[in-house]
Protein backbone atom coordinates (compact mmCIF):
# COMPACT_ATOMS: atom_id res chain seq x y z
CA MET A 1 -18.19 -9.36 -15.23
CA ALA A 2 -18.95 -11.85 -12.45
CA ARG A 3 -15.28 -12.91 -12.37
CA ASN A 4 -14.14 -9.30 -11.84
CA ARG A 5 -16.67 -8.86 -9.04
CA LEU A 6 -15.46 -12.07 -7.39
CA ILE A 7 -11.84 -10.89 -7.65
CA ARG A 8 -12.80 -7.57 -6.01
CA ILE A 9 -14.60 -9.38 -3.19
CA LEU A 10 -11.72 -11.79 -2.63
CA SER A 11 -9.20 -8.95 -2.64
CA GLU A 12 -11.17 -7.07 0.05
CA ILE A 13 -11.32 -10.25 2.13
CA CYS A 14 -7.61 -10.83 1.60
CA GLU A 15 -6.79 -7.28 2.75
CA PHE A 16 -8.98 -7.83 5.82
CA TYR A 17 -7.08 -11.03 6.65
CA ILE A 18 -3.73 -9.29 6.23
CA ARG A 19 -4.78 -6.42 8.52
CA HIS A 20 -5.83 -8.97 11.15
CA ASN A 21 -2.68 -11.13 10.91
CA ARG A 22 -4.47 -14.11 9.39
CA ILE A 23 -1.85 -14.75 6.74
CA GLN A 24 -2.82 -18.34 5.94
CA ASP A 25 -6.35 -17.19 5.15
CA ALA A 26 -4.97 -14.29 3.10
CA GLU A 27 -2.80 -16.71 1.15
CA LEU A 28 -5.86 -18.85 0.37
CA CYS A 29 -7.74 -15.80 -0.94
CA CYS A 30 -4.74 -14.76 -2.98
CA TYR A 31 -4.47 -18.30 -4.38
CA GLU A 32 -8.13 -18.15 -5.45
CA ILE A 33 -7.56 -14.80 -7.16
CA GLY A 34 -4.56 -16.33 -8.93
CA ASN A 35 -6.77 -19.18 -10.17
CA LEU A 36 -9.27 -16.67 -11.52
CA HIS A 37 -6.74 -14.32 -13.12
CA SER A 38 -3.04 -14.94 -12.47
CA MET A 39 -2.00 -11.95 -14.61
CA SER A 40 -4.11 -9.54 -12.56
CA TYR A 41 -2.16 -6.76 -10.88
CA THR A 42 -4.52 -7.21 -7.91
CA TYR A 43 -3.16 -10.74 -7.48
CA THR A 44 0.44 -9.53 -7.69
CA TYR A 45 -0.23 -6.65 -5.29
CA LEU A 46 -1.77 -9.00 -2.69
CA LYS A 47 1.17 -11.40 -3.03
CA GLY A 48 3.39 -8.43 -2.28
CA ARG A 49 1.33 -7.51 0.77
CA ILE A 50 1.63 -11.07 2.08
CA TYR A 51 5.41 -11.05 1.52
CA GLU A 52 5.62 -7.67 3.24
CA HIS A 53 3.69 -9.00 6.24
CA LYS A 54 6.08 -11.95 6.41
CA LYS A 55 8.99 -9.46 6.33
CA GLU A 56 10.17 -10.88 3.00
CA TYR A 57 10.80 -7.35 1.76
CA LEU A 58 12.79 -8.23 -1.37
CA ASN A 59 10.00 -10.49 -2.68
CA ALA A 60 7.42 -7.85 -1.77
CA LYS A 61 9.48 -5.18 -3.54
CA ASN A 62 9.52 -7.27 -6.72
CA CYS A 63 5.74 -7.76 -6.58
CA PHE A 64 5.05 -4.05 -6.08
CA ASN A 65 7.46 -3.14 -8.89
CA ASN A 66 5.60 -5.57 -11.17
CA VAL A 67 2.28 -3.94 -10.29
CA LEU A 68 3.71 -0.50 -10.99
CA SER A 69 5.00 -1.64 -14.37
CA ILE A 70 1.38 -2.42 -15.27
CA ASN A 71 -0.29 0.45 -13.40
CA PRO A 72 2.24 3.21 -12.55
CA SER A 73 -0.24 5.15 -10.43
CA HIS A 74 -1.36 2.29 -8.18
CA MET A 75 -1.35 4.18 -4.88
CA SER A 76 -1.20 1.20 -2.56
CA SER A 77 1.75 -0.31 -4.41
CA LEU A 78 3.65 2.99 -4.22
CA GLU A 79 2.91 3.19 -0.50
CA HIS A 80 3.90 -0.37 0.32
CA LEU A 81 6.90 -0.30 -2.01
CA SER A 82 8.20 2.70 -0.08
CA ILE A 83 7.77 0.79 3.19
CA CYS A 84 9.66 -2.21 1.80
CA LEU A 85 12.43 0.00 0.46
CA PHE A 86 12.68 1.63 3.88
CA HIS A 87 13.17 -1.79 5.49
CA LEU A 88 15.78 -2.60 2.84
CA ASN A 89 17.61 0.62 3.81
CA GLU A 90 16.99 2.19 0.40
CA PHE A 91 15.88 5.50 1.93
CA ASN A 92 16.27 7.70 -1.15
CA LEU A 93 14.15 5.41 -3.31
CA ALA A 94 11.64 4.94 -0.48
CA GLU A 95 11.29 8.72 -0.26
CA LYS A 96 10.79 8.98 -4.03
CA MET A 97 8.04 6.33 -4.04
CA ILE A 98 6.10 7.89 -1.17
CA ARG A 99 6.45 11.33 -2.75
CA ASP A 100 5.03 9.86 -5.98
CA ALA A 101 2.05 8.58 -3.98
CA ILE A 102 1.62 11.99 -2.34
CA THR A 103 1.71 13.60 -5.79
CA ILE A 104 -1.27 11.45 -6.77
CA ASN A 105 -3.21 12.19 -3.56
CA ASN A 106 -1.76 14.66 -1.07
CA SER A 107 -4.72 14.53 1.33
CA LEU A 108 -4.02 11.15 2.92
CA PRO A 109 -2.49 11.62 6.38
CA HIS A 110 -0.78 8.23 6.54
CA LEU A 111 1.27 9.01 3.41
CA TRP A 112 2.64 12.16 5.06
CA TYR A 113 3.39 10.16 8.20
CA ILE A 114 5.35 7.57 6.20
CA LEU A 115 7.30 10.34 4.46
CA GLY A 116 8.09 11.88 7.84
CA TYR A 117 9.28 8.53 9.14
CA ILE A 118 11.55 8.04 6.13
CA LEU A 119 12.95 11.57 6.41
CA ASP A 120 13.51 11.08 10.13
CA ALA A 121 15.52 7.92 9.40
CA SER A 122 17.49 9.90 6.80
CA ASN A 123 18.42 12.46 9.51
CA ASP A 124 16.29 15.23 8.02
CA SER A 125 14.44 15.99 11.26
CA GLU A 126 13.21 19.42 10.21
CA SER A 127 11.47 18.13 7.08
CA ALA A 128 10.21 15.10 8.98
CA LEU A 129 8.60 17.38 11.57
CA LYS A 130 6.80 19.31 8.80
CA CYS A 131 5.49 16.01 7.38
CA TYR A 132 4.27 14.87 10.80
CA GLN A 133 2.52 18.23 11.29
CA THR A 134 0.89 17.93 7.87
CA SER A 135 -0.22 14.40 8.75
CA LEU A 136 -1.80 15.56 12.00
CA GLN A 137 -3.52 18.48 10.32
CA LEU A 138 -4.96 16.25 7.59
CA GLU A 139 -5.99 13.60 10.09
CA SER A 140 -8.14 16.08 11.97
CA THR A 141 -10.21 16.75 8.84
CA HIS A 142 -9.98 13.34 7.19
CA PRO A 143 -13.20 11.30 7.10
CA ILE A 144 -13.23 7.93 8.85
CA VAL A 145 -14.56 6.37 5.65
CA GLN A 146 -13.36 7.88 2.39
CA PHE A 147 -16.13 9.45 0.37
CA SER A 148 -15.13 7.34 -2.66
CA SER A 149 -15.80 4.21 -0.58
CA LEU A 150 -19.38 5.15 0.22
CA THR A 151 -20.69 3.49 -2.94
CA LYS A 152 -19.07 0.23 -1.80
CA ILE A 153 -20.68 0.50 1.63
CA ILE A 154 -24.13 1.52 0.42
């Protein structure tokens, strides 16, 4: 139980480091998670996020695909896999992945924005505009902190 809690804490710290461009620190956190549980999909997901940040999209794609083979509904992997596929010019597959994520939770504005961006790059401007509008509408009612996260904060 303590190991799982430590992995959760390290993964939150790793995500923080990635968001703030401190990749060396993120790699150290990821390494520690790997030492605790190298078969954890959290470890593989974070490796993918680090590869994605380094613009090593093929390596990131492989990591996210591995996570999804273990946990097919892992929202963050679907989201980031779609971004990697976009950068690899695999627009149709990128669209499918982000649509899968939207199917799981259609109330997240950033997912609709990503879909709009992909559709825009695929020259489907009309559908892209609808996605951007949906994203803006959701953003106006979306809480700053997700309600499911409140137990983590409190």
